[in-house]
Amino acid sequence: MSKEKSSIGFGVGLLAGVVGGIVAGILYAPCPGSEMREKVKETVCDLAEKHSPAVNEAKKQALESIDLLRYKLEKQYKKFGNMLKSKKMRKAKELEDISDYDFN
């Protein structure tokens, strides 16, 4: 699990770096506003087309991981609930056994 977390962290860091670089490039560009907006629009469209499959795959993997985690949590929750019921039943049985004795 630790390897998956570090991979996800690296991916998020890489994405943040790319976005930060693009923003810095836009802010320090020596072009007029309308020209810069057109370049940004083209760049964003190109990036969206180029990386759309990768983003979709990452989204699919994230959703699968969430489903697996949800399944594991539900399984543990049921185990815990069964354990509590078992302990309550055992305690009730002990109390019943004690009350079966007639002290008269």
PDB file of N, CA and C in Angstrom:
ATOM      1  N   MET A   1       0.828  -1.187   0.000  1.00  0.00           N
ATOM      2  CA  MET A   1       0.000   0.000   0.000  1.00  0.00           C
ATOM      3  C   MET A   1       0.868   1.244   0.000  1.00  0.00           C
ATOM      4  N   SER A   2       1.981   1.196   0.665  1.00  0.00           N
ATOM      5  CA  SER A   2       2.876   2.336   0.752  1.00  0.00           C
ATOM      6  C   SER A   2       3.415   2.699  -0.621  1.00  0.00           C
ATOM      7  N   LYS A   3       3.680   1.681  -1.446  1.00  0.00           N
ATOM      8  CA  LYS A   3       4.173   1.930  -2.790  1.00  0.00           C
ATOM      9  C   LYS A   3       3.116   2.655  -3.629  1.00  0.00           C
ATOM     10  N   GLU A   4       1.843   2.258  -3.457  1.00  0.00           N
ATOM     11  CA  GLU A   4       0.759   2.917  -4.177  1.00  0.00           C
ATOM     12  C   GLU A   4       0.628   4.378  -3.745  1.00  0.00           C
ATOM     13  N   LYS A   5       0.746   4.625  -2.434  1.00  0.00           N
ATOM     14  CA  LYS A   5       0.633   5.987  -1.929  1.00  0.00           C
ATOM     15  C   LYS A   5       1.742   6.861  -2.480  1.00  0.00           C
ATOM     16  N   SER A   6       2.977   6.325  -2.549  1.00  0.00           N
ATOM     17  CA  SER A   6       4.083   7.127  -3.052  1.00  0.00           C
ATOM     18  C   SER A   6       3.913   7.385  -4.544  1.00  0.00           C
ATOM     19  N   SER A   7       3.353   6.424  -5.281  1.00  0.00           N
ATOM     20  CA  SER A   7       3.100   6.620  -6.712  1.00  0.00           C
ATOM     21  C   SER A   7       2.045   7.701  -6.927  1.00  0.00           C
ATOM     22  N   ILE A   8       1.000   7.659  -6.118  1.00  0.00           N
ATOM     23  CA  ILE A   8      -0.054   8.660  -6.240  1.00  0.00           C
ATOM     24  C   ILE A   8       0.496  10.030  -5.873  1.00  0.00           C
ATOM     25  N   GLY A   9       1.291  10.082  -4.803  1.00  0.00           N
ATOM     26  CA  GLY A   9       1.893  11.349  -4.383  1.00  0.00           C
ATOM     27  C   GLY A   9       2.803  11.913  -5.461  1.00  0.00           C
ATOM     28  N   PHE A  10       3.583  11.040  -6.091  1.00  0.00           N
ATOM     29  CA  PHE A  10       4.468  11.495  -7.164  1.00  0.00           C
ATOM     30  C   PHE A  10       3.655  12.050  -8.328  1.00  0.00           C
ATOM     31  N   GLY A  11       2.579  11.349  -8.689  1.00  0.00           N
ATOM     32  CA  GLY A  11       1.727  11.800  -9.794  1.00  0.00           C
ATOM     33  C   GLY A  11       1.090  13.150  -9.514  1.00  0.00           C
ATOM     34  N   VAL A  12       0.611  13.326  -8.284  1.00  0.00           N
ATOM     35  CA  VAL A  12      -0.003  14.601  -7.907  1.00  0.00           C
ATOM     36  C   VAL A  12       1.049  15.708  -7.921  1.00  0.00           C
ATOM     37  N   GLY A  13       2.238  15.403  -7.426  1.00  0.00           N
ATOM     38  CA  GLY A  13       3.320  16.389  -7.430  1.00  0.00           C
ATOM     39  C   GLY A  13       3.723  16.775  -8.840  1.00  0.00           C
ATOM     40  N   LEU A  14       3.798  15.784  -9.710  1.00  0.00           N
ATOM     41  CA  LEU A  14       4.144  16.044 -11.104  1.00  0.00           C
ATOM     42  C   LEU A  14       3.095  16.926 -11.764  1.00  0.00           C
ATOM     43  N   LEU A  15       1.836  16.615 -11.539  1.00  0.00           N
ATOM     44  CA  LEU A  15       0.746  17.406 -12.102  1.00  0.00           C
ATOM     45  C   LEU A  15       0.779  18.840 -11.572  1.00  0.00           C
ATOM     46  N   ALA A  16       1.027  18.986 -10.262  1.00  0.00           N
ATOM     47  CA  ALA A  16       1.105  20.325  -9.674  1.00  0.00           C
ATOM     48  C   ALA A  16       2.269  21.110 -10.280  1.00  0.00           C
ATOM     49  N   GLY A  17       3.383  20.436 -10.522  1.00  0.00           N
ATOM     50  CA  GLY A  17       4.529  21.096 -11.136  1.00  0.00           C
ATOM     51  C   GLY A  17       4.239  21.569 -12.546  1.00  0.00           C
ATOM     52  N   VAL A  18       3.561  20.740 -13.307  1.00  0.00           N
ATOM     53  CA  VAL A  18       3.209  21.108 -14.688  1.00  0.00           C
ATOM     54  C   VAL A  18       2.270  22.314 -14.688  1.00  0.00           C
ATOM     55  N   VAL A  19       1.248  22.253 -13.848  1.00  0.00           N
ATOM     56  CA  VAL A  19       0.290  23.361 -13.775  1.00  0.00           C
ATOM     57  C   VAL A  19       0.991  24.638 -13.308  1.00  0.00           C
ATOM     58  N   GLY A  20       1.855  24.512 -12.301  1.00  0.00           N
ATOM     59  CA  GLY A  20       2.601  25.684 -11.823  1.00  0.00           C
ATOM     60  C   GLY A  20       3.481  26.273 -12.899  1.00  0.00           C
ATOM     61  N   GLY A  21       4.132  25.429 -13.688  1.00  0.00           N
ATOM     62  CA  GLY A  21       4.965  25.907 -14.793  1.00  0.00           C
ATOM     63  C   GLY A  21       4.160  26.636 -15.851  1.00  0.00           C
ATOM     64  N   ILE A  22       3.002  26.115 -16.143  1.00  0.00           N
ATOM     65  CA  ILE A  22       2.143  26.763 -17.144  1.00  0.00           C
ATOM     66  C   ILE A  22       1.698  28.136 -16.630  1.00  0.00           C
ATOM     67  N   VAL A  23       1.268  28.186 -15.376  1.00  0.00           N
ATOM     68  CA  VAL A  23       0.821  29.460 -14.797  1.00  0.00           C
ATOM     69  C   VAL A  23       1.964  30.472 -14.781  1.00  0.00           C
ATOM     70  N   ALA A  24       3.151  30.042 -14.378  1.00  0.00           N
ATOM     71  CA  ALA A  24       4.303  30.954 -14.357  1.00  0.00           C
ATOM     72  C   ALA A  24       4.626  31.442 -15.766  1.00  0.00           C
ATOM     73  N   GLY A  25       4.544  30.549 -16.728  1.00  0.00           N
ATOM     74  CA  GLY A  25       4.802  30.935 -18.111  1.00  0.00           C
ATOM     75  C   GLY A  25       3.809  31.971 -18.617  1.00  0.00           C
ATOM     76  N   ILE A  26       2.570  31.808 -18.239  1.00  0.00           N
ATOM     77  CA  ILE A  26       1.533  32.764 -18.655  1.00  0.00           C
ATOM     78  C   ILE A  26       1.769  34.126 -18.006  1.00  0.00           C
ATOM     79  N   LEU A  27       2.090  34.107 -16.723  1.00  0.00           N
ATOM     80  CA  LEU A  27       2.262  35.367 -16.003  1.00  0.00           C
ATOM     81  C   LEU A  27       3.463  36.173 -16.483  1.00  0.00           C
ATOM     82  N   TYR A  28       4.516  35.503 -16.908  1.00  0.00           N
ATOM     83  CA  TYR A  28       5.728  36.212 -17.312  1.00  0.00           C
ATOM     84  C   TYR A  28       5.904  36.307 -18.821  1.00  0.00           C
ATOM     85  N   ALA A  29       4.890  35.951 -19.570  1.00  0.00           N
ATOM     86  CA  ALA A  29       4.988  35.991 -21.034  1.00  0.00           C
ATOM     87  C   ALA A  29       4.932  37.438 -21.540  1.00  0.00           C
ATOM     88  N   PRO A  30       5.740  37.750 -22.568  1.00  0.00           N
ATOM     89  CA  PRO A  30       5.765  39.119 -23.106  1.00  0.00           C
ATOM     90  C   PRO A  30       4.753  39.360 -24.218  1.00  0.00           C
ATOM     91  N   CYS A  31       3.625  38.688 -24.213  1.00  0.00           N
ATOM     92  CA  CYS A  31       2.609  38.838 -25.257  1.00  0.00           C
ATOM     93  C   CYS A  31       1.432  39.643 -24.729  1.00  0.00           C
ATOM     94  N   PRO A  32       0.691  40.290 -25.643  1.00  0.00           N
ATOM     95  CA  PRO A  32      -0.535  40.979 -25.211  1.00  0.00           C
ATOM     96  C   PRO A  32      -1.592  39.970 -24.739  1.00  0.00           C
ATOM     97  N   GLY A  33      -2.565  40.451 -23.979  1.00  0.00           N
ATOM     98  CA  GLY A  33      -3.583  39.607 -23.369  1.00  0.00           C
ATOM     99  C   GLY A  33      -4.366  38.742 -24.333  1.00  0.00           C
ATOM    100  N   SER A  34      -4.860  39.311 -25.441  1.00  0.00           N
ATOM    101  CA  SER A  34      -5.676  38.532 -26.378  1.00  0.00           C
ATOM    102  C   SER A  34      -4.854  37.425 -27.030  1.00  0.00           C
ATOM    103  N   GLU A  35      -3.616  37.739 -27.357  1.00  0.00           N
ATOM    104  CA  GLU A  35      -2.739  36.745 -27.966  1.00  0.00           C
ATOM    105  C   GLU A  35      -2.433  35.621 -26.953  1.00  0.00           C
ATOM    106  N   MET A  36      -2.201  36.011 -25.716  1.00  0.00           N
ATOM    107  CA  MET A  36      -1.893  35.040 -24.676  1.00  0.00           C
ATOM    108  C   MET A  36      -3.098  34.145 -24.394  1.00  0.00           C
ATOM    109  N   ARG A  37      -4.295  34.722 -24.379  1.00  0.00           N
ATOM    110  CA  ARG A  37      -5.489  33.916 -24.147  1.00  0.00           C
ATOM    111  C   ARG A  37      -5.665  32.868 -25.242  1.00  0.00           C
ATOM    112  N   GLU A  38      -5.398  33.241 -26.459  1.00  0.00           N
ATOM    113  CA  GLU A  38      -5.506  32.300 -27.577  1.00  0.00           C
ATOM    114  C   GLU A  38      -4.482  31.178 -27.436  1.00  0.00           C
ATOM    115  N   LYS A  39      -3.271  31.525 -27.055  1.00  0.00           N
ATOM    116  CA  LYS A  39      -2.233  30.500 -26.860  1.00  0.00           C
ATOM    117  C   LYS A  39      -2.610  29.553 -25.706  1.00  0.00           C
ATOM    118  N   VAL A  40      -3.127  30.141 -24.640  1.00  0.00           N
ATOM    119  CA  VAL A  40      -3.528  29.323 -23.494  1.00  0.00           C
ATOM    120  C   VAL A  40      -4.653  28.379 -23.901  1.00  0.00           C
ATOM    121  N   LYS A  41      -5.611  28.895 -24.640  1.00  0.00           N
ATOM    122  CA  LYS A  41      -6.732  28.076 -25.085  1.00  0.00           C
ATOM    123  C   LYS A  41      -6.240  26.909 -25.937  1.00  0.00           C
ATOM    124  N   GLU A  42      -5.336  27.176 -26.868  1.00  0.00           N
ATOM    125  CA  GLU A  42      -4.785  26.122 -27.718  1.00  0.00           C
ATOM    126  C   GLU A  42      -4.008  25.098 -26.891  1.00  0.00           C
ATOM    127  N   THR A  43      -3.215  25.591 -25.954  1.00  0.00           N
ATOM    128  CA  THR A  43      -2.409  24.699 -25.119  1.00  0.00           C
ATOM    129  C   THR A  43      -3.285  23.801 -24.261  1.00  0.00           C
ATOM    130  N   VAL A  44      -4.312  24.384 -23.664  1.00  0.00           N
ATOM    131  CA  VAL A  44      -5.216  23.595 -22.822  1.00  0.00           C
ATOM    132  C   VAL A  44      -5.943  22.556 -23.656  1.00  0.00           C
ATOM    133  N   CYS A  45      -6.400  22.926 -24.838  1.00  0.00           N
ATOM    134  CA  CYS A  45      -7.087  21.974 -25.717  1.00  0.00           C
ATOM    135  C   CYS A  45      -6.143  20.844 -26.127  1.00  0.00           C
ATOM    136  N   ASP A  46      -4.898  21.191 -26.468  1.00  0.00           N
ATOM    137  CA  ASP A  46      -3.920  20.171 -26.842  1.00  0.00           C
ATOM    138  C   ASP A  46      -3.625  19.233 -25.677  1.00  0.00           C
ATOM    139  N   LEU A  47      -3.443  19.797 -24.489  1.00  0.00           N
ATOM    140  CA  LEU A  47      -3.182  18.970 -23.314  1.00  0.00           C
ATOM    141  C   LEU A  47      -4.359  18.052 -23.008  1.00  0.00           C
ATOM    142  N   ALA A  48      -5.561  18.593 -23.129  1.00  0.00           N
ATOM    143  CA  ALA A  48      -6.757  17.789 -22.855  1.00  0.00           C
ATOM    144  C   ALA A  48      -6.859  16.621 -23.831  1.00  0.00           C
ATOM    145  N   GLU A  49      -6.596  16.881 -25.102  1.00  0.00           N
ATOM    146  CA  GLU A  49      -6.661  15.817 -26.106  1.00  0.00           C
ATOM    147  C   GLU A  49      -5.560  14.786 -25.899  1.00  0.00           C
ATOM    148  N   LYS A  50      -4.366  15.282 -25.584  1.00  0.00           N
ATOM    149  CA  LYS A  50      -3.200  14.414 -25.457  1.00  0.00           C
ATOM    150  C   LYS A  50      -3.275  13.536 -24.206  1.00  0.00           C
ATOM    151  N   HIS A  51      -3.733  14.093 -23.095  1.00  0.00           N
ATOM    152  CA  HIS A  51      -3.679  13.385 -21.823  1.00  0.00           C
ATOM    153  C   HIS A  51      -5.031  12.866 -21.350  1.00  0.00           C
ATOM    154  N   SER A  52      -6.056  13.002 -22.146  1.00  0.00           N
ATOM    155  CA  SER A  52      -7.380  12.535 -21.763  1.00  0.00           C
ATOM    156  C   SER A  52      -7.402  11.038 -21.439  1.00  0.00           C
ATOM    157  N   PRO A  53      -6.790  10.181 -22.267  1.00  0.00           N
ATOM    158  CA  PRO A  53      -6.798   8.747 -21.920  1.00  0.00           C
ATOM    159  C   PRO A  53      -6.084   8.467 -20.591  1.00  0.00           C
ATOM    160  N   ALA A  54      -4.985   9.157 -20.339  1.00  0.00           N
ATOM    161  CA  ALA A  54      -4.248   8.940 -19.086  1.00  0.00           C
ATOM    162  C   ALA A  54      -5.070   9.395 -17.888  1.00  0.00           C
ATOM    163  N   VAL A  55      -5.752  10.512 -18.030  1.00  0.00           N
ATOM    164  CA  VAL A  55      -6.590  11.016 -16.944  1.00  0.00           C
ATOM    165  C   VAL A  55      -7.753  10.060 -16.696  1.00  0.00           C
ATOM    166  N   ASN A  56      -8.353   9.576 -17.762  1.00  0.00           N
ATOM    167  CA  ASN A  56      -9.463   8.622 -17.621  1.00  0.00           C
ATOM    168  C   ASN A  56      -8.989   7.334 -16.956  1.00  0.00           C
ATOM    169  N   GLU A  57      -7.799   6.862 -17.327  1.00  0.00           N
ATOM    170  CA  GLU A  57      -7.255   5.645 -16.720  1.00  0.00           C
ATOM    171  C   GLU A  57      -6.963   5.867 -15.237  1.00  0.00           C
ATOM    172  N   ALA A  58      -6.405   7.018 -14.904  1.00  0.00           N
ATOM    173  CA  ALA A  58      -6.124   7.334 -13.498  1.00  0.00           C
ATOM    174  C   ALA A  58      -7.425   7.404 -12.700  1.00  0.00           C
ATOM    175  N   LYS A  59      -8.439   7.998 -13.292  1.00  0.00           N
ATOM    176  CA  LYS A  59      -9.741   8.088 -12.631  1.00  0.00           C
ATOM    177  C   LYS A  59     -10.327   6.696 -12.409  1.00  0.00           C
ATOM    178  N   LYS A  60     -10.205   5.832 -13.419  1.00  0.00           N
ATOM    179  CA  LYS A  60     -10.713   4.466 -13.321  1.00  0.00           C
ATOM    180  C   LYS A  60      -9.989   3.715 -12.200  1.00  0.00           C
ATOM    181  N   GLN A  61      -8.657   3.848 -12.141  1.00  0.00           N
ATOM    182  CA  GLN A  61      -7.880   3.169 -11.098  1.00  0.00           C
ATOM    183  C   GLN A  61      -8.240   3.704  -9.711  1.00  0.00           C
ATOM    184  N   ALA A  62      -8.446   5.010  -9.606  1.00  0.00           N
ATOM    185  CA  ALA A  62      -8.811   5.601  -8.312  1.00  0.00           C
ATOM    186  C   ALA A  62     -10.170   5.067  -7.851  1.00  0.00           C
ATOM    187  N   LEU A  63     -11.127   4.995  -8.760  1.00  0.00           N
ATOM    188  CA  LEU A  63     -12.452   4.480  -8.405  1.00  0.00           C
ATOM    189  C   LEU A  63     -12.395   3.005  -8.005  1.00  0.00           C
ATOM    190  N   GLU A  64     -11.549   2.222  -8.707  1.00  0.00           N
ATOM    191  CA  GLU A  64     -11.386   0.816  -8.342  1.00  0.00           C
ATOM    192  C   GLU A  64     -10.772   0.686  -6.948  1.00  0.00           C
ATOM    193  N   SER A  65      -9.786   1.529  -6.650  1.00  0.00           N
ATOM    194  CA  SER A  65      -9.153   1.503  -5.326  1.00  0.00           C
ATOM    195  C   SER A  65     -10.151   1.876  -4.240  1.00  0.00           C
ATOM    196  N   ILE A  66     -10.992   2.849  -4.525  1.00  0.00           N
ATOM    197  CA  ILE A  66     -12.018   3.267  -3.558  1.00  0.00           C
ATOM    198  C   ILE A  66     -13.012   2.133  -3.328  1.00  0.00           C
ATOM    199  N   ASP A  67     -13.422   1.463  -4.398  1.00  0.00           N
ATOM    200  CA  ASP A  67     -14.355   0.339  -4.253  1.00  0.00           C
ATOM    201  C   ASP A  67     -13.732  -0.792  -3.435  1.00  0.00           C
ATOM    202  N   LEU A  68     -12.455  -1.083  -3.685  1.00  0.00           N
ATOM    203  CA  LEU A  68     -11.775  -2.132  -2.930  1.00  0.00           C
ATOM    204  C   LEU A  68     -11.675  -1.753  -1.457  1.00  0.00           C
ATOM    205  N   LEU A  69     -11.332  -0.516  -1.187  1.00  0.00           N
ATOM    206  CA  LEU A  69     -11.235  -0.052   0.191  1.00  0.00           C
ATOM    207  C   LEU A  69     -12.596  -0.113   0.882  1.00  0.00           C
ATOM    208  N   ARG A  70     -13.645   0.289   0.176  1.00  0.00           N
ATOM    209  CA  ARG A  70     -14.996   0.234   0.735  1.00  0.00           C
ATOM    210  C   ARG A  70     -15.378  -1.210   1.071  1.00  0.00           C
ATOM    211  N   TYR A  71     -15.053  -2.141   0.175  1.00  0.00           N
ATOM    212  CA  TYR A  71     -15.344  -3.555   0.407  1.00  0.00           C
ATOM    213  C   TYR A  71     -14.612  -4.052   1.654  1.00  0.00           C
ATOM    214  N   LYS A  72     -13.322  -3.708   1.767  1.00  0.00           N
ATOM    215  CA  LYS A  72     -12.534  -4.158   2.915  1.00  0.00           C
ATOM    216  C   LYS A  72     -13.068  -3.563   4.221  1.00  0.00           C
ATOM    217  N   LEU A  73     -13.447  -2.291   4.185  1.00  0.00           N
ATOM    218  CA  LEU A  73     -13.990  -1.658   5.389  1.00  0.00           C
ATOM    219  C   LEU A  73     -15.312  -2.292   5.805  1.00  0.00           C
ATOM    220  N   GLU A  74     -16.178  -2.563   4.840  1.00  0.00           N
ATOM    221  CA  GLU A  74     -17.454  -3.199   5.152  1.00  0.00           C
ATOM    222  C   GLU A  74     -17.240  -4.588   5.741  1.00  0.00           C
ATOM    223  N   LYS A  75     -16.275  -5.319   5.198  1.00  0.00           N
ATOM    224  CA  LYS A  75     -15.958  -6.650   5.699  1.00  0.00           C
ATOM    225  C   LYS A  75     -15.469  -6.574   7.150  1.00  0.00           C
ATOM    226  N   GLN A  76     -14.587  -5.639   7.437  1.00  0.00           N
ATOM    227  CA  GLN A  76     -14.080  -5.482   8.796  1.00  0.00           C
ATOM    228  C   GLN A  76     -15.193  -5.033   9.750  1.00  0.00           C
ATOM    229  N   TYR A  77     -16.065  -4.165   9.270  1.00  0.00           N
ATOM    230  CA  TYR A  77     -17.189  -3.695  10.085  1.00  0.00           C
ATOM    231  C   TYR A  77     -18.094  -4.866  10.466  1.00  0.00           C
ATOM    232  N   LYS A  78     -18.371  -5.738   9.497  1.00  0.00           N
ATOM    233  CA  LYS A  78     -19.206  -6.907   9.771  1.00  0.00           C
ATOM    234  C   LYS A  78     -18.517  -7.842  10.763  1.00  0.00           C
ATOM    235  N   LYS A  79     -17.205  -8.035  10.590  1.00  0.00           N
ATOM    236  CA  LYS A  79     -16.462  -8.887  11.525  1.00  0.00           C
ATOM    237  C   LYS A  79     -16.544  -8.322  12.937  1.00  0.00           C
ATOM    238  N   PHE A  80     -16.359  -7.033  13.050  1.00  0.00           N
ATOM    239  CA  PHE A  80     -16.411  -6.373  14.351  1.00  0.00           C
ATOM    240  C   PHE A  80     -17.795  -6.512  14.967  1.00  0.00           C
ATOM    241  N   GLY A  81     -18.836  -6.310  14.168  1.00  0.00           N
ATOM    242  CA  GLY A  81     -20.208  -6.455  14.647  1.00  0.00           C
ATOM    243  C   GLY A  81     -20.490  -7.879  15.118  1.00  0.00           C
ATOM    244  N   ASN A  82     -20.011  -8.849  14.351  1.00  0.00           N
ATOM    245  CA  ASN A  82     -20.201 -10.247  14.747  1.00  0.00           C
ATOM    246  C   ASN A  82     -19.451 -10.559  16.037  1.00  0.00           C
ATOM    247  N   MET A  83     -18.263  -9.990  16.193  1.00  0.00           N
ATOM    248  CA  MET A  83     -17.490 -10.204  17.406  1.00  0.00           C
ATOM    249  C   MET A  83     -18.233  -9.643  18.624  1.00  0.00           C
ATOM    250  N   LEU A  84     -18.799  -8.447  18.472  1.00  0.00           N
ATOM    251  CA  LEU A  84     -19.556  -7.848  19.573  1.00  0.00           C
ATOM    252  C   LEU A  84     -20.780  -8.685  19.921  1.00  0.00           C
ATOM    253  N   LYS A  85     -21.481  -9.146  18.899  1.00  0.00           N
ATOM    254  CA  LYS A  85     -22.657  -9.994  19.142  1.00  0.00           C
ATOM    255  C   LYS A  85     -22.255 -11.277  19.860  1.00  0.00           C
ATOM    256  N   SER A  86     -21.146 -11.847  19.442  1.00  0.00           N
ATOM    257  CA  SER A  86     -20.665 -13.077  20.054  1.00  0.00           C
ATOM    258  C   SER A  86     -20.350 -12.862  21.525  1.00  0.00           C
ATOM    259  N   LYS A  87     -19.685 -11.765  21.833  1.00  0.00           N
ATOM    260  CA  LYS A  87     -19.355 -11.470  23.233  1.00  0.00           C
ATOM    261  C   LYS A  87     -20.614 -11.224  24.054  1.00  0.00           C
ATOM    262  N   LYS A  88     -21.583 -10.516  23.490  1.00  0.00           N
ATOM    263  CA  LYS A  88     -22.840 -10.278  24.204  1.00  0.00           C
ATOM    264  C   LYS A  88     -23.572 -11.588  24.442  1.00  0.00           C
ATOM    265  N   MET A  89     -23.590 -12.465  23.440  1.00  0.00           N
ATOM    266  CA  MET A  89     -24.261 -13.756  23.590  1.00  0.00           C
ATOM    267  C   MET A  89     -23.563 -14.595  24.659  1.00  0.00           C
ATOM    268  N   ARG A  90     -22.243 -14.587  24.661  1.00  0.00           N
ATOM    269  CA  ARG A  90     -21.488 -15.344  25.653  1.00  0.00           C
ATOM    270  C   ARG A  90     -21.783 -14.826  27.058  1.00  0.00           C
ATOM    271  N   LYS A  91     -21.818 -13.508  27.202  1.00  0.00           N
ATOM    272  CA  LYS A  91     -22.105 -12.901  28.514  1.00  0.00           C
ATOM    273  C   LYS A  91     -23.530 -13.236  28.951  1.00  0.00           C
ATOM    274  N   ALA A  92     -24.475 -13.165  28.025  1.00  0.00           N
ATOM    275  CA  ALA A  92     -25.866 -13.502  28.351  1.00  0.00           C
ATOM    276  C   ALA A  92     -25.976 -14.970  28.759  1.00  0.00           C
ATOM    277  N   LYS A  93     -25.246 -15.839  28.075  1.00  0.00           N
ATOM    278  CA  LYS A  93     -25.263 -17.267  28.408  1.00  0.00           C
ATOM    279  C   LYS A  93     -24.693 -17.481  29.808  1.00  0.00           C
ATOM    280  N   GLU A  94     -23.607 -16.784  30.130  1.00  0.00           N
ATOM    281  CA  GLU A  94     -23.023 -16.894  31.468  1.00  0.00           C
ATOM    282  C   GLU A  94     -24.025 -16.442  32.530  1.00  0.00           C
ATOM    283  N   LEU A  95     -24.690 -15.322  32.278  1.00  0.00           N
ATOM    284  CA  LEU A  95     -25.678 -14.821  33.238  1.00  0.00           C
ATOM    285  C   LEU A  95     -26.847 -15.791  33.360  1.00  0.00           C
ATOM    286  N   GLU A  96     -27.252 -16.384  32.263  1.00  0.00           N
ATOM    287  CA  GLU A  96     -28.342 -17.354  32.281  1.00  0.00           C
ATOM    288  C   GLU A  96     -27.947 -18.586  33.083  1.00  0.00           C
ATOM    289  N   ASP A  97     -26.711 -19.047  32.882  1.00  0.00           N
ATOM    290  CA  ASP A  97     -26.228 -20.210  33.627  1.00  0.00           C
ATOM    291  C   ASP A  97     -26.189 -19.918  35.118  1.00  0.00           C
ATOM    292  N   ILE A  98     -25.793 -18.709  35.492  1.00  0.00           N
ATOM    293  CA  ILE A  98     -25.734 -18.334  36.893  1.00  0.00           C
ATOM    294  C   ILE A  98     -27.143 -18.249  37.471  1.00  0.00           C
ATOM    295  N   SER A  99     -28.087 -17.710  36.733  1.00  0.00           N
ATOM    296  CA  SER A  99     -29.456 -17.559  37.252  1.00  0.00           C
ATOM    297  C   SER A  99     -30.204 -18.878  37.277  1.00  0.00           C
ATOM    298  N   ASP A 100     -29.703 -19.928  36.615  1.00  0.00           N
ATOM    299  CA  ASP A 100     -30.347 -21.238  36.627  1.00  0.00           C
ATOM    300  C   ASP A 100     -30.202 -21.923  37.984  1.00  0.00           C
ATOM    301  N   TYR A 101     -29.222 -21.533  38.732  1.00  0.00           N
ATOM    302  CA  TYR A 101     -29.029 -22.142  40.057  1.00  0.00           C
ATOM    303  C   TYR A 101     -30.112 -21.668  41.001  1.00  0.00           C
ATOM    304  N   ASP A 102     -30.649 -22.602  41.731  1.00  0.00           N
ATOM    305  CA  ASP A 102     -31.683 -22.261  42.709  1.00  0.00           C
ATOM    306  C   ASP A 102     -31.026 -22.237  44.086  1.00  0.00           C
ATOM    307  N   PHE A 103     -31.060 -21.105  44.709  1.00  0.00           N
ATOM    308  CA  PHE A 103     -30.390 -20.957  45.990  1.00  0.00           C
ATOM    309  C   PHE A 103     -31.295 -21.264  47.172  1.00  0.00           C
ATOM    310  N   ASN A 104     -32.463 -21.784  46.971  1.00  0.00           N
ATOM    311  CA  ASN A 104     -33.380 -22.118  48.073  1.00  0.00           C
ATOM    312  C   ASN A 104     -33.113 -23.463  48.627  1.00  0.00           C
TER     313      ASN A 104
END
